N, C-alpha and C. Protein backbone atom coordinates (compact mmCIF):
# COMPACT_ATOMS: atom_id res chain seq x y z
N MET A 1 -44.45 -44.43 26.22
CA MET A 1 -43.01 -44.32 26.85
C MET A 1 -42.43 -44.03 26.28
N LYS A 2 -41.77 -44.84 25.33
CA LYS A 2 -41.06 -45.42 23.79
C LYS A 2 -40.98 -44.42 22.92
N ALA A 3 -42.32 -43.34 23.18
CA ALA A 3 -43.10 -41.40 22.14
C ALA A 3 -41.49 -41.17 23.41
N ALA A 4 -42.01 -41.44 24.26
CA ALA A 4 -41.93 -39.83 25.36
C ALA A 4 -40.13 -40.27 25.62
N ILE A 5 -39.57 -40.44 25.46
CA ILE A 5 -38.47 -40.72 25.32
C ILE A 5 -37.77 -40.01 23.59
N THR A 6 -37.96 -41.09 22.73
CA THR A 6 -37.74 -40.81 21.40
C THR A 6 -37.58 -38.94 21.08
N SER A 7 -39.57 -38.11 21.96
CA SER A 7 -39.02 -36.88 21.48
C SER A 7 -38.49 -35.70 22.62
N VAL A 8 -37.62 -36.89 23.56
CA VAL A 8 -36.54 -35.88 24.99
C VAL A 8 -35.48 -36.03 23.88
N LEU A 9 -34.32 -37.69 22.92
CA LEU A 9 -34.07 -37.29 22.47
C LEU A 9 -33.84 -35.97 21.14
N VAL A 10 -35.30 -36.74 20.31
CA VAL A 10 -34.62 -35.30 19.10
C VAL A 10 -35.01 -34.16 19.33
N SER A 11 -35.56 -32.96 20.90
CA SER A 11 -35.33 -32.46 21.36
C SER A 11 -33.95 -31.62 21.59
N LEU A 12 -33.30 -32.98 22.87
CA LEU A 12 -31.75 -33.01 22.52
C LEU A 12 -30.80 -32.46 21.61
N ALA A 13 -30.96 -33.59 20.15
CA ALA A 13 -29.78 -33.17 19.48
C ALA A 13 -30.50 -32.21 18.71
N PHE A 14 -31.81 -31.60 18.40
CA PHE A 14 -32.06 -30.07 18.60
C PHE A 14 -31.26 -28.95 19.00
N LEU A 15 -31.48 -29.45 20.42
CA LEU A 15 -30.31 -28.58 20.78
C LEU A 15 -28.80 -28.24 19.97
N PHE A 16 -28.60 -29.17 20.77
CA PHE A 16 -26.68 -29.19 20.10
C PHE A 16 -26.92 -28.12 18.82
N LEU A 17 -27.74 -29.23 17.61
CA LEU A 17 -27.45 -29.06 16.34
C LEU A 17 -27.05 -27.28 16.61
N LEU A 18 -28.48 -26.89 17.43
CA LEU A 18 -28.90 -25.47 17.14
C LEU A 18 -28.06 -24.52 17.80
N ALA A 19 -26.78 -25.40 18.79
CA ALA A 19 -26.16 -24.90 20.12
C ALA A 19 -25.33 -24.36 18.90
N GLY A 20 -24.28 -25.89 17.59
CA GLY A 20 -23.50 -24.96 16.69
C GLY A 20 -22.92 -24.35 16.17
N CYS A 21 -24.43 -23.75 16.10
CA CYS A 21 -24.87 -22.87 14.87
C CYS A 21 -24.15 -21.02 15.71
N PHE A 22 -23.89 -20.60 16.87
CA PHE A 22 -23.45 -20.10 17.27
C PHE A 22 -22.10 -20.22 17.15
N PRO A 23 -21.55 -18.52 16.53
CA PRO A 23 -20.58 -19.16 16.36
C PRO A 23 -19.56 -18.53 17.53
N GLY A 24 -20.49 -18.14 19.43
CA GLY A 24 -19.22 -18.23 20.21
C GLY A 24 -19.29 -19.09 20.82
N ASN A 25 -19.79 -20.70 20.08
CA ASN A 25 -19.31 -22.19 20.25
C ASN A 25 -17.79 -22.54 19.89
N ARG A 26 -17.86 -21.42 18.50
CA ARG A 26 -16.44 -21.82 17.94
C ARG A 26 -14.93 -20.79 18.89
N ALA A 27 -13.80 -22.01 18.05
CA ALA A 27 -12.45 -20.76 18.45
C ALA A 27 -12.91 -20.19 17.48
N PRO A 28 -12.38 -18.66 17.57
CA PRO A 28 -11.72 -17.90 16.74
C PRO A 28 -10.82 -17.28 15.46
N TYR A 29 -11.32 -17.81 14.61
CA TYR A 29 -10.17 -17.82 13.14
C TYR A 29 -9.66 -16.64 13.16
N LYS A 30 -8.00 -17.15 13.00
CA LYS A 30 -6.96 -16.71 13.10
C LYS A 30 -6.95 -15.30 12.32
N ILE A 31 -6.20 -13.75 12.39
CA ILE A 31 -6.28 -13.69 10.95
C ILE A 31 -4.58 -12.30 11.27
N ASP A 32 -3.82 -13.16 9.90
CA ASP A 32 -2.94 -12.96 9.72
C ASP A 32 -2.20 -11.60 9.73
N PHE A 33 -1.13 -10.51 9.75
CA PHE A 33 -1.22 -9.55 9.35
C PHE A 33 0.16 -9.24 8.82
N TYR A 34 0.37 -8.30 7.21
CA TYR A 34 1.30 -7.93 6.57
C TYR A 34 1.66 -7.41 6.24
N THR A 35 2.79 -6.39 6.61
CA THR A 35 3.64 -4.72 6.10
C THR A 35 4.26 -4.92 5.10
N LEU A 36 5.50 -4.30 4.67
CA LEU A 36 6.33 -4.55 3.73
C LEU A 36 7.40 -4.19 5.14
N ASP A 37 8.66 -5.04 3.28
CA ASP A 37 9.30 -4.94 4.61
C ASP A 37 10.33 -5.22 3.43
N TYR A 38 11.60 -3.82 3.33
CA TYR A 38 12.71 -3.52 2.76
C TYR A 38 13.80 -2.52 2.61
N PRO A 39 14.27 -2.38 3.06
CA PRO A 39 15.29 -1.24 2.62
C PRO A 39 15.96 -0.12 2.58
N PRO A 40 15.75 0.96 2.99
CA PRO A 40 15.66 2.10 1.69
C PRO A 40 16.72 2.51 0.56
N PRO A 41 15.83 2.18 -0.28
CA PRO A 41 17.63 2.21 -1.33
C PRO A 41 18.45 3.83 -1.39
N VAL A 42 19.29 3.17 -1.69
CA VAL A 42 20.95 4.25 -1.09
C VAL A 42 20.71 5.15 -3.05
N LEU A 43 20.43 6.02 -2.60
CA LEU A 43 20.80 7.33 -3.78
C LEU A 43 22.26 7.89 -3.28
N ARG A 44 22.30 8.39 -4.74
CA ARG A 44 23.73 8.97 -4.13
C ARG A 44 23.43 10.86 -5.33
N GLY A 45 23.56 11.75 -4.22
CA GLY A 45 23.52 12.88 -5.18
C GLY A 45 23.69 14.98 -4.55
N ALA A 46 24.17 15.47 -4.95
CA ALA A 46 24.01 16.62 -4.14
C ALA A 46 22.68 16.21 -2.94
N PRO A 47 22.47 17.06 -1.68
CA PRO A 47 21.38 16.74 -0.88
C PRO A 47 20.92 18.08 -1.00
N LEU A 48 19.75 19.14 -1.64
CA LEU A 48 19.32 20.16 -1.69
C LEU A 48 18.73 20.93 -0.14
N ASP A 49 18.77 22.20 -0.91
CA ASP A 49 18.37 22.66 0.72
C ASP A 49 16.69 23.69 0.62
N GLN A 50 15.75 22.09 0.24
CA GLN A 50 14.21 21.73 0.41
C GLN A 50 13.97 21.86 0.93
N VAL A 51 12.32 21.50 1.62
CA VAL A 51 11.63 20.67 2.55
C VAL A 51 10.78 19.93 1.55
N VAL A 52 9.91 19.19 0.94
CA VAL A 52 9.03 18.48 1.44
C VAL A 52 8.39 17.95 2.12
N ARG A 53 7.43 17.75 1.30
CA ARG A 53 5.58 17.05 2.03
C ARG A 53 4.83 15.79 0.86
N MET A 54 5.47 14.91 1.91
CA MET A 54 4.75 14.00 1.09
C MET A 54 2.47 14.15 1.65
N ASN A 55 2.16 14.25 0.64
CA ASN A 55 1.19 13.46 1.41
C ASN A 55 0.24 12.72 1.62
N ARG A 56 -0.57 12.28 1.93
CA ARG A 56 -1.08 11.01 1.84
C ARG A 56 -2.26 10.68 0.57
N PHE A 57 -1.20 9.66 -0.14
CA PHE A 57 -1.34 8.62 -1.80
C PHE A 57 -3.30 8.49 -1.27
N SER A 58 -3.87 8.76 -2.90
CA SER A 58 -5.33 8.13 -2.65
C SER A 58 -5.10 6.55 -3.44
N VAL A 59 -5.63 5.26 -2.94
CA VAL A 59 -6.46 4.35 -3.70
C VAL A 59 -7.56 3.85 -4.30
N ALA A 60 -6.83 3.55 -5.59
CA ALA A 60 -8.35 2.93 -6.62
C ALA A 60 -9.02 2.20 -5.64
N GLN A 61 -9.72 2.66 -5.37
CA GLN A 61 -11.18 1.79 -4.90
C GLN A 61 -11.50 0.28 -4.58
N VAL A 62 -10.82 -0.23 -5.14
CA VAL A 62 -11.15 -2.21 -5.70
C VAL A 62 -9.54 -2.91 -4.42
N TYR A 63 -9.06 -1.35 -4.20
CA TYR A 63 -7.48 -1.90 -3.42
C TYR A 63 -8.04 -0.88 -2.20
N ASN A 64 -8.49 -0.63 -1.80
CA ASN A 64 -8.53 0.44 -0.73
C ASN A 64 -10.02 -0.02 0.35
N SER A 65 -8.41 -1.04 1.21
CA SER A 65 -8.84 -1.75 3.12
C SER A 65 -7.66 -2.43 2.98
N THR A 66 -8.19 -3.69 3.75
CA THR A 66 -6.55 -4.56 4.27
C THR A 66 -6.42 -5.76 4.23
N ALA A 67 -7.39 -5.34 3.16
CA ALA A 67 -8.15 -6.93 2.09
C ALA A 67 -6.72 -6.94 1.33
N MET A 68 -5.88 -9.09 1.45
CA MET A 68 -5.08 -9.09 -0.09
C MET A 68 -5.77 -9.27 -0.68
N VAL A 69 -5.65 -8.48 -2.05
CA VAL A 69 -6.01 -8.78 -3.77
C VAL A 69 -5.82 -9.74 -4.24
N TYR A 70 -5.55 -10.59 -4.75
CA TYR A 70 -5.06 -10.76 -5.70
C TYR A 70 -6.03 -11.07 -6.95
N LYS A 71 -5.24 -11.40 -8.35
CA LYS A 71 -6.71 -12.51 -9.68
C LYS A 71 -6.02 -13.88 -10.18
N PRO A 72 -7.03 -14.61 -9.81
CA PRO A 72 -6.79 -16.30 -10.21
C PRO A 72 -6.50 -15.80 -11.90
N GLU A 73 -7.44 -14.72 -13.05
CA GLU A 73 -8.36 -15.17 -13.94
C GLU A 73 -8.35 -13.89 -14.01
N GLU A 74 -8.63 -13.98 -15.93
CA GLU A 74 -9.23 -12.10 -16.73
C GLU A 74 -10.58 -11.97 -15.67
N TYR A 75 -10.80 -10.74 -15.81
CA TYR A 75 -12.33 -9.84 -14.61
C TYR A 75 -12.39 -10.49 -13.78
N LYS A 76 -11.34 -11.31 -12.92
CA LYS A 76 -12.22 -11.78 -11.49
C LYS A 76 -11.19 -11.47 -10.39
N LEU A 77 -11.53 -10.44 -9.37
CA LEU A 77 -10.30 -10.64 -8.55
C LEU A 77 -11.09 -11.10 -7.48
N ALA A 78 -10.28 -11.69 -6.16
CA ALA A 78 -10.23 -12.13 -4.92
C ALA A 78 -9.23 -11.94 -4.05
N VAL A 79 -9.41 -12.19 -2.49
CA VAL A 79 -8.75 -12.02 -1.46
C VAL A 79 -9.39 -12.82 -0.60
N TYR A 80 -7.56 -12.59 0.14
CA TYR A 80 -7.64 -14.42 1.23
C TYR A 80 -8.62 -14.64 2.60
N GLN A 81 -9.26 -14.36 2.92
CA GLN A 81 -9.75 -14.58 4.21
C GLN A 81 -9.09 -13.85 5.76
N TYR A 82 -8.48 -14.84 5.92
CA TYR A 82 -7.48 -14.76 6.58
C TYR A 82 -6.14 -13.91 6.86
N HIS A 83 -5.88 -13.22 6.06
CA HIS A 83 -4.11 -12.65 5.74
C HIS A 83 -4.91 -11.24 5.80
N LYS A 84 -5.01 -9.54 5.74
CA LYS A 84 -4.54 -8.50 5.68
C LYS A 84 -3.90 -8.05 5.51
N TRP A 85 -4.13 -7.24 4.59
CA TRP A 85 -2.37 -5.49 5.31
C TRP A 85 -2.76 -5.06 6.71
N ARG A 86 -1.13 -4.94 6.89
CA ARG A 86 -1.39 -3.91 8.69
C ARG A 86 -2.51 -2.86 8.35
N VAL A 87 -2.17 -1.93 7.33
CA VAL A 87 -3.34 -1.07 7.03
C VAL A 87 -2.84 -0.88 5.32
N THR A 88 -3.71 -0.46 5.46
CA THR A 88 -4.54 0.10 3.62
C THR A 88 -3.30 0.47 3.15
N PRO A 89 -3.28 0.24 1.66
CA PRO A 89 -1.80 0.82 0.12
C PRO A 89 -1.64 2.01 1.11
N GLY A 90 -2.98 2.64 0.87
CA GLY A 90 -2.07 4.74 0.34
C GLY A 90 -1.73 4.50 1.81
N ASP A 91 -1.76 4.15 3.41
CA ASP A 91 -0.38 4.29 4.37
C ASP A 91 0.48 3.36 4.01
N LEU A 92 -0.27 2.15 3.92
CA LEU A 92 1.49 1.67 3.43
C LEU A 92 2.64 2.35 2.50
N VAL A 93 2.05 3.01 1.16
CA VAL A 93 2.66 3.15 0.31
C VAL A 93 3.77 4.55 0.65
N THR A 94 2.05 5.63 1.91
CA THR A 94 2.81 7.39 2.05
C THR A 94 4.19 7.15 2.58
N ASP A 95 3.36 5.96 3.69
CA ASP A 95 4.54 6.00 5.16
C ASP A 95 5.56 5.94 4.69
N TYR A 96 6.47 4.58 3.36
CA TYR A 96 6.90 3.99 3.19
C TYR A 96 8.34 5.32 1.93
N LEU A 97 7.36 5.79 1.50
CA LEU A 97 7.95 7.07 0.91
C LEU A 97 8.82 7.32 1.31
N ALA A 98 7.64 8.29 2.33
CA ALA A 98 8.39 9.00 3.75
C ALA A 98 9.45 8.87 3.64
N ARG A 99 9.30 8.29 4.64
CA ARG A 99 10.59 6.91 5.71
C ARG A 99 11.97 7.03 4.08
N ASP A 100 11.97 6.69 3.23
CA ASP A 100 12.99 6.92 1.96
C ASP A 100 13.24 8.45 1.53
N PHE A 101 12.14 8.94 1.25
CA PHE A 101 12.91 10.55 1.28
C PHE A 101 14.38 11.15 2.48
N ARG A 102 12.61 10.86 3.36
CA ARG A 102 14.50 11.37 4.70
C ARG A 102 15.57 10.42 4.56
N SER A 103 15.30 9.17 4.49
CA SER A 103 16.55 7.81 4.58
C SER A 103 17.53 8.86 3.70
N SER A 104 16.82 9.19 1.64
CA SER A 104 18.21 9.38 1.29
C SER A 104 18.61 10.35 1.12
N GLY A 105 18.70 11.62 2.15
CA GLY A 105 19.80 13.02 1.96
C GLY A 105 19.95 13.65 2.21
N PHE A 106 18.72 13.92 0.34
CA PHE A 106 19.09 14.73 -0.54
C PHE A 106 17.99 16.10 -0.18
N PHE A 107 17.10 16.11 0.92
CA PHE A 107 15.97 16.92 1.15
C PHE A 107 16.52 17.60 2.76
N LYS A 108 16.06 18.43 2.88
CA LYS A 108 16.93 19.86 3.99
C LYS A 108 16.15 18.52 5.00
N ALA A 109 14.93 18.60 4.54
CA ALA A 109 13.51 17.60 5.68
C ALA A 109 11.71 16.99 4.56
N VAL A 110 11.42 16.06 5.09
CA VAL A 110 10.23 15.51 4.82
C VAL A 110 9.78 15.59 6.19
N PHE A 111 8.86 15.59 5.28
CA PHE A 111 7.18 15.93 6.65
C PHE A 111 6.00 15.45 5.63
N THR A 112 4.91 15.16 6.08
CA THR A 112 4.16 14.47 5.84
C THR A 112 2.95 14.79 6.57
N GLY A 113 1.19 14.48 6.19
CA GLY A 113 -0.29 15.04 5.69
C GLY A 113 -0.47 15.14 7.13
N ARG A 114 0.06 14.32 8.18
CA ARG A 114 0.14 14.41 9.19
C ARG A 114 0.68 15.33 10.26
N GLN A 115 1.28 16.46 9.60
CA GLN A 115 2.48 17.37 10.25
C GLN A 115 1.69 18.56 9.60
N ARG A 116 1.99 19.82 10.10
CA ARG A 116 1.39 20.66 10.35
C ARG A 116 2.51 22.07 9.11
N GLU A 117 3.23 21.34 9.50
CA GLU A 117 4.61 22.37 8.83
C GLU A 117 3.88 22.11 7.46
N GLY A 118 4.44 23.28 6.67
CA GLY A 118 4.43 23.67 4.93
C GLY A 118 5.80 23.38 4.05
N ALA A 119 5.58 22.96 3.87
CA ALA A 119 6.87 22.89 2.86
C ALA A 119 6.21 23.04 0.72
N ARG A 120 7.41 23.98 -0.02
CA ARG A 120 6.90 24.36 -1.11
C ARG A 120 6.97 23.26 -2.40
N PHE A 121 6.94 22.57 -1.59
CA PHE A 121 7.31 20.96 -2.66
C PHE A 121 6.52 19.80 -2.05
N GLU A 122 5.64 19.27 -2.92
CA GLU A 122 5.08 18.81 -2.23
C GLU A 122 4.37 17.20 -3.45
N VAL A 123 5.23 16.61 -2.60
CA VAL A 123 4.62 15.00 -3.64
C VAL A 123 3.18 14.63 -2.80
N GLU A 124 2.51 14.11 -4.10
CA GLU A 124 1.29 13.88 -3.59
C GLU A 124 0.37 12.11 -5.53
N GLY A 125 -0.42 11.71 -4.88
CA GLY A 125 -0.63 10.69 -6.35
C GLY A 125 -1.58 9.15 -5.63
N ALA A 126 -1.73 8.78 -6.54
CA ALA A 126 -2.30 7.88 -6.07
C ALA A 126 -1.22 6.38 -6.84
N VAL A 127 -2.69 5.22 -5.64
CA VAL A 127 -2.40 3.89 -5.89
C VAL A 127 -3.34 3.25 -6.55
N GLU A 128 -3.23 2.92 -7.70
CA GLU A 128 -3.75 2.83 -8.74
C GLU A 128 -3.31 0.57 -9.13
N GLU A 129 -3.28 0.07 -9.09
CA GLU A 129 -2.06 -1.63 -8.76
C GLU A 129 -2.12 -1.04 -7.42
N PHE A 130 -2.03 -2.86 -6.56
CA PHE A 130 -2.03 -3.10 -5.37
C PHE A 130 -1.55 -4.27 -5.70
N LEU A 131 -1.71 -5.51 -5.82
CA LEU A 131 -2.53 -6.34 -5.99
C LEU A 131 -1.25 -7.68 -6.52
N GLU A 132 -1.62 -9.05 -6.11
CA GLU A 132 -0.84 -10.61 -6.70
C GLU A 132 -2.09 -10.72 -8.21
N SER A 133 -0.57 -11.45 -8.96
CA SER A 133 -1.63 -11.47 -10.43
C SER A 133 -1.01 -12.41 -10.74
N ARG A 134 -2.12 -13.26 -11.27
CA ARG A 134 -1.69 -14.12 -13.17
C ARG A 134 -1.71 -14.32 -13.43
N GLU A 135 -0.27 -14.11 -14.43
CA GLU A 135 -0.21 -13.73 -15.37
C GLU A 135 0.82 -15.14 -16.30
N ALA A 136 0.67 -14.60 -17.20
CA ALA A 136 0.96 -16.52 -17.97
C ALA A 136 2.17 -16.98 -18.05
N ASP A 137 2.74 -16.12 -16.81
CA ASP A 137 4.36 -16.89 -16.77
C ASP A 137 4.45 -16.79 -14.92
N GLY A 138 3.61 -16.93 -15.03
CA GLY A 138 3.48 -17.03 -13.03
C GLY A 138 2.83 -15.66 -12.22
N TRP A 139 3.20 -16.46 -11.02
CA TRP A 139 1.87 -14.92 -10.40
C TRP A 139 3.68 -13.46 -10.26
N LYS A 140 2.24 -12.98 -9.81
CA LYS A 140 3.45 -11.41 -10.00
C LYS A 140 3.06 -10.68 -9.44
N ALA A 141 3.53 -9.55 -8.57
CA ALA A 141 3.28 -8.70 -7.26
C ALA A 141 2.93 -7.14 -8.81
N VAL A 142 2.51 -6.78 -8.35
CA VAL A 142 1.60 -5.86 -9.17
C VAL A 142 1.58 -4.49 -8.56
N LEU A 143 2.96 -3.29 -9.04
CA LEU A 143 2.28 -1.92 -8.15
C LEU A 143 1.94 -1.22 -8.93
N ALA A 144 0.91 -0.25 -9.36
CA ALA A 144 1.29 1.12 -10.19
C ALA A 144 1.29 2.06 -9.01
N LEU A 145 1.84 3.45 -9.45
CA LEU A 145 1.26 4.35 -8.48
C LEU A 145 1.19 6.04 -9.77
N GLU A 146 0.40 6.75 -9.60
CA GLU A 146 0.57 7.75 -10.29
C GLU A 146 1.32 8.65 -8.94
N VAL A 147 1.88 9.70 -9.21
CA VAL A 147 2.61 10.10 -8.39
C VAL A 147 3.01 12.08 -9.56
N ALA A 148 2.68 12.66 -8.84
CA ALA A 148 2.21 14.19 -8.34
C ALA A 148 3.79 15.07 -8.17
N LEU A 149 3.88 16.16 -9.24
CA LEU A 149 5.35 16.77 -7.78
C LEU A 149 4.61 18.28 -7.48
N LEU A 150 5.28 18.93 -6.83
CA LEU A 150 3.88 20.21 -7.29
C LEU A 150 4.57 21.15 -5.81
N ASP A 151 4.31 21.88 -6.45
CA ASP A 151 5.62 24.02 -6.49
C ASP A 151 4.73 24.66 -6.08
N ARG A 152 4.70 24.59 -4.06
CA ARG A 152 3.53 25.42 -4.30
C ARG A 152 4.29 27.13 -4.24
N SER A 153 5.60 27.36 -4.02
CA SER A 153 5.17 28.66 -4.52
C SER A 153 4.81 30.08 -5.92
N GLU A 154 4.44 28.89 -6.70
CA GLU A 154 3.72 29.02 -8.29
C GLU A 154 2.59 29.86 -7.57
N PRO A 155 1.69 30.40 -8.47
CA PRO A 155 0.33 31.96 -7.96
C PRO A 155 -0.21 30.47 -8.82
N SER A 156 -0.07 30.33 -9.91
CA SER A 156 -0.77 29.72 -11.26
C SER A 156 -1.43 27.91 -10.92
N VAL A 157 -2.92 27.05 -10.77
CA VAL A 157 -2.90 26.10 -10.72
C VAL A 157 -1.77 25.29 -12.19
N ASP A 158 -1.73 24.88 -13.47
CA ASP A 158 -0.79 25.45 -14.12
C ASP A 158 0.61 25.23 -14.36
N ALA A 159 1.27 25.85 -13.71
CA ALA A 159 2.25 26.46 -13.26
C ALA A 159 3.27 25.37 -12.14
N ARG A 160 2.63 25.17 -10.98
CA ARG A 160 2.96 24.68 -9.71
C ARG A 160 2.32 23.08 -9.58
N VAL A 161 1.92 22.81 -10.33
CA VAL A 161 2.38 21.04 -11.69
C VAL A 161 3.92 20.66 -11.83
N VAL A 162 4.45 20.27 -11.00
CA VAL A 162 5.91 19.67 -12.09
C VAL A 162 6.12 18.96 -13.19
N PHE A 163 5.48 17.70 -12.12
CA PHE A 163 5.47 16.49 -13.49
C PHE A 163 4.49 16.12 -12.93
N GLN A 164 4.07 15.02 -13.25
CA GLN A 164 2.83 14.09 -12.80
C GLN A 164 3.02 12.78 -13.71
N ARG A 165 3.73 11.63 -12.70
CA ARG A 165 4.38 10.45 -14.12
C ARG A 165 4.29 9.08 -12.99
N ARG A 166 3.87 7.61 -14.07
CA ARG A 166 2.90 6.97 -13.85
C ARG A 166 4.73 6.36 -13.69
N TYR A 167 4.79 5.74 -13.05
CA TYR A 167 5.03 4.91 -12.14
C TYR A 167 4.64 2.97 -12.05
N LYS A 168 5.59 1.93 -12.41
CA LYS A 168 5.00 0.38 -12.44
C LYS A 168 6.15 -0.52 -12.23
N ALA A 169 5.97 -1.50 -11.92
CA ALA A 169 6.44 -3.23 -11.08
C ALA A 169 5.82 -3.80 -10.86
N GLU A 170 6.67 -4.82 -11.17
CA GLU A 170 6.52 -6.17 -11.54
C GLU A 170 7.41 -6.99 -11.19
N GLU A 171 7.16 -8.24 -10.05
CA GLU A 171 8.48 -8.93 -8.84
C GLU A 171 7.50 -10.63 -9.26
N PRO A 172 8.17 -11.60 -10.32
CA PRO A 172 7.22 -13.15 -10.29
C PRO A 172 7.54 -12.91 -8.51
N LEU A 173 6.28 -14.26 -7.85
CA LEU A 173 6.35 -15.23 -7.82
C LEU A 173 6.58 -16.95 -7.38
N ALA A 174 6.69 -16.85 -6.28
CA ALA A 174 8.54 -18.20 -6.09
C ALA A 174 6.39 -19.66 -6.01
N ASP A 175 5.41 -19.21 -5.43
CA ASP A 175 4.58 -19.23 -5.83
C ASP A 175 3.04 -18.52 -4.67
N GLN A 176 1.79 -18.86 -5.06
CA GLN A 176 0.62 -17.74 -4.63
C GLN A 176 0.63 -17.90 -3.34
N ALA A 177 1.17 -17.65 -2.33
CA ALA A 177 0.93 -17.23 -0.93
C ALA A 177 0.78 -15.94 -0.36
N PRO A 178 0.42 -15.66 1.11
CA PRO A 178 0.45 -14.27 1.58
C PRO A 178 1.77 -13.38 1.83
N ALA A 179 1.99 -14.36 2.13
CA ALA A 179 4.02 -13.92 2.69
C ALA A 179 4.64 -13.26 1.48
N ALA A 180 4.29 -15.12 -0.01
CA ALA A 180 5.31 -14.19 -0.70
C ALA A 180 4.98 -12.98 -1.76
N PHE A 181 3.26 -13.09 -1.46
CA PHE A 181 2.46 -11.54 -2.21
C PHE A 181 3.58 -9.93 -1.36
N ALA A 182 3.75 -10.88 0.38
CA ALA A 182 4.17 -9.14 0.68
C ALA A 182 5.87 -8.70 0.06
N ARG A 183 6.20 -10.05 0.57
CA ARG A 183 7.74 -10.02 -0.52
C ARG A 183 8.02 -10.08 -1.31
N GLY A 184 7.19 -9.77 -2.30
CA GLY A 184 7.29 -9.29 -3.51
C GLY A 184 6.39 -7.62 -4.05
N MET A 185 5.61 -7.79 -3.38
CA MET A 185 5.17 -5.96 -3.30
C MET A 185 6.84 -5.24 -1.99
N SER A 186 6.82 -5.69 -1.61
CA SER A 186 8.02 -5.03 -0.68
C SER A 186 8.61 -4.50 -1.97
N ALA A 187 9.80 -5.75 -2.82
CA ALA A 187 10.05 -5.84 -3.96
C ALA A 187 9.78 -4.17 -5.10
N CYS A 188 9.03 -4.27 -4.75
CA CYS A 188 8.10 -3.37 -6.67
C CYS A 188 7.83 -2.29 -5.21
N LEU A 189 8.38 -2.18 -4.59
CA LEU A 189 7.35 -0.59 -3.98
C LEU A 189 9.21 -0.08 -3.90
N ALA A 190 10.11 -1.33 -3.67
CA ALA A 190 11.33 -0.57 -3.28
C ALA A 190 12.15 -0.04 -4.72
N ARG A 191 11.57 -0.37 -5.62
CA ARG A 191 12.55 0.10 -7.16
C ARG A 191 11.77 0.81 -7.53
N VAL A 192 10.24 1.22 -7.09
CA VAL A 192 9.43 2.31 -7.42
C VAL A 192 10.14 3.61 -6.49
N SER A 193 9.84 3.47 -5.64
CA SER A 193 10.80 5.20 -4.42
C SER A 193 11.52 4.68 -5.19
N SER A 194 12.83 4.61 -4.92
CA SER A 194 13.96 5.28 -5.98
C SER A 194 13.94 5.58 -7.16
N GLU A 195 13.45 5.52 -7.80
CA GLU A 195 12.65 5.99 -9.30
C GLU A 195 11.96 7.18 -8.46
N VAL A 196 11.36 7.13 -7.59
CA VAL A 196 10.59 8.45 -7.52
C VAL A 196 10.80 9.59 -6.42
N ILE A 197 12.51 9.50 -6.07
CA ILE A 197 13.20 9.96 -5.26
C ILE A 197 13.98 11.20 -6.07
N GLY A 198 14.53 9.66 -7.33
CA GLY A 198 15.77 10.61 -7.75
C GLY A 198 15.23 11.26 -10.17
N GLY A 199 13.60 11.13 -9.24
CA GLY A 199 12.73 11.99 -10.68
C GLY A 199 12.30 13.30 -10.08
N VAL A 200 11.82 13.27 -8.38
CA VAL A 200 11.75 14.44 -7.49
C VAL A 200 13.28 15.60 -7.01
N ALA A 201 13.82 14.33 -6.60
CA ALA A 201 15.57 15.56 -6.87
C ALA A 201 15.48 16.37 -7.05
N ALA A 202 15.66 15.02 -8.90
CA ALA A 202 16.20 16.17 -9.69
C ALA A 202 15.18 16.99 -10.62
N ALA A 203 14.13 16.95 -10.70
CA ALA A 203 13.23 18.77 -10.25
C ALA A 203 13.20 19.22 -9.85
N ILE A 204 13.51 18.64 -8.51
CA ILE A 204 13.80 20.72 -7.00
C ILE A 204 15.40 21.25 -8.27
N ALA A 205 16.34 20.35 -7.77
CA ALA A 205 16.85 20.37 -8.35
C ALA A 205 17.50 22.09 -9.57
N GLU A 206 16.14 21.11 -9.93
CA GLU A 206 16.01 22.24 -11.53
C GLU A 206 15.79 23.28 -11.27
N ARG A 207 15.53 23.48 -10.62
CA ARG A 207 14.39 25.23 -9.57
C ARG A 207 14.60 25.55 -8.71
N SER A 208 15.76 25.06 -7.96
CA SER A 208 16.88 25.52 -7.19
C SER A 208 18.55 26.99 -7.66
N PRO A 209 18.90 26.67 -6.75
CA PRO A 209 18.95 27.39 -5.71
C PRO A 209 17.25 28.22 -5.83
N GLY A 210 17.41 28.40 -4.60
CA GLY A 210 15.60 28.77 -4.29
C GLY A 210 15.51 28.71 -3.02
N PRO A 211 14.37 29.73 -2.02
CA PRO A 211 13.82 29.64 -0.42
C PRO A 211 13.42 28.49 0.01
N SER A 212 14.00 27.74 1.02
CA SER A 212 12.89 26.94 1.54
C SER A 212 11.43 28.01 2.53
N ARG A 213 10.59 26.84 1.67
CA ARG A 213 9.33 28.22 2.59
C ARG A 213 9.24 26.34 3.40
């Protein structure tokens, strides 16, 4: 009789342990989503009678996801398990740059790759770095972009490239945390955005007056 009771107890204990192994019996983990947040840069200059198209930026594959990537030490990358970007860095950078270009007042219109309208001048590029990095002097948000300005009115490929430049910004962080990372990356893109807009506007001005296309 005792052997039978022991067998039943062991079986029940096994069932309880087995039930605990299934995710459906656990409360789901909460994922926090982050985006960038900064006011458009305030720039001064004469408006240009030109239309600009902002193409979607490509992304280095190591950052091409919604994961929030950080670098705790040399040669090592990690991600926050329960904290993510709302969209990928390519979409974040493209959308915010397009917003800032419109807000600058320099251009007659600014379109994106999701719109069919064409433009004489196109901005395209790549996100090369988009991470939180531990440096010798503390944690920093690091952003690096490769940006090209194209003039579609030029017949040859060589003449079509107005410029190709690399922009990089770093922002010190108070601590290592997803919210601090999002604030730091916002500050980085705000600075880079101002530089990109200024460079694009100056280059277009050198080729103006010319018809908007």
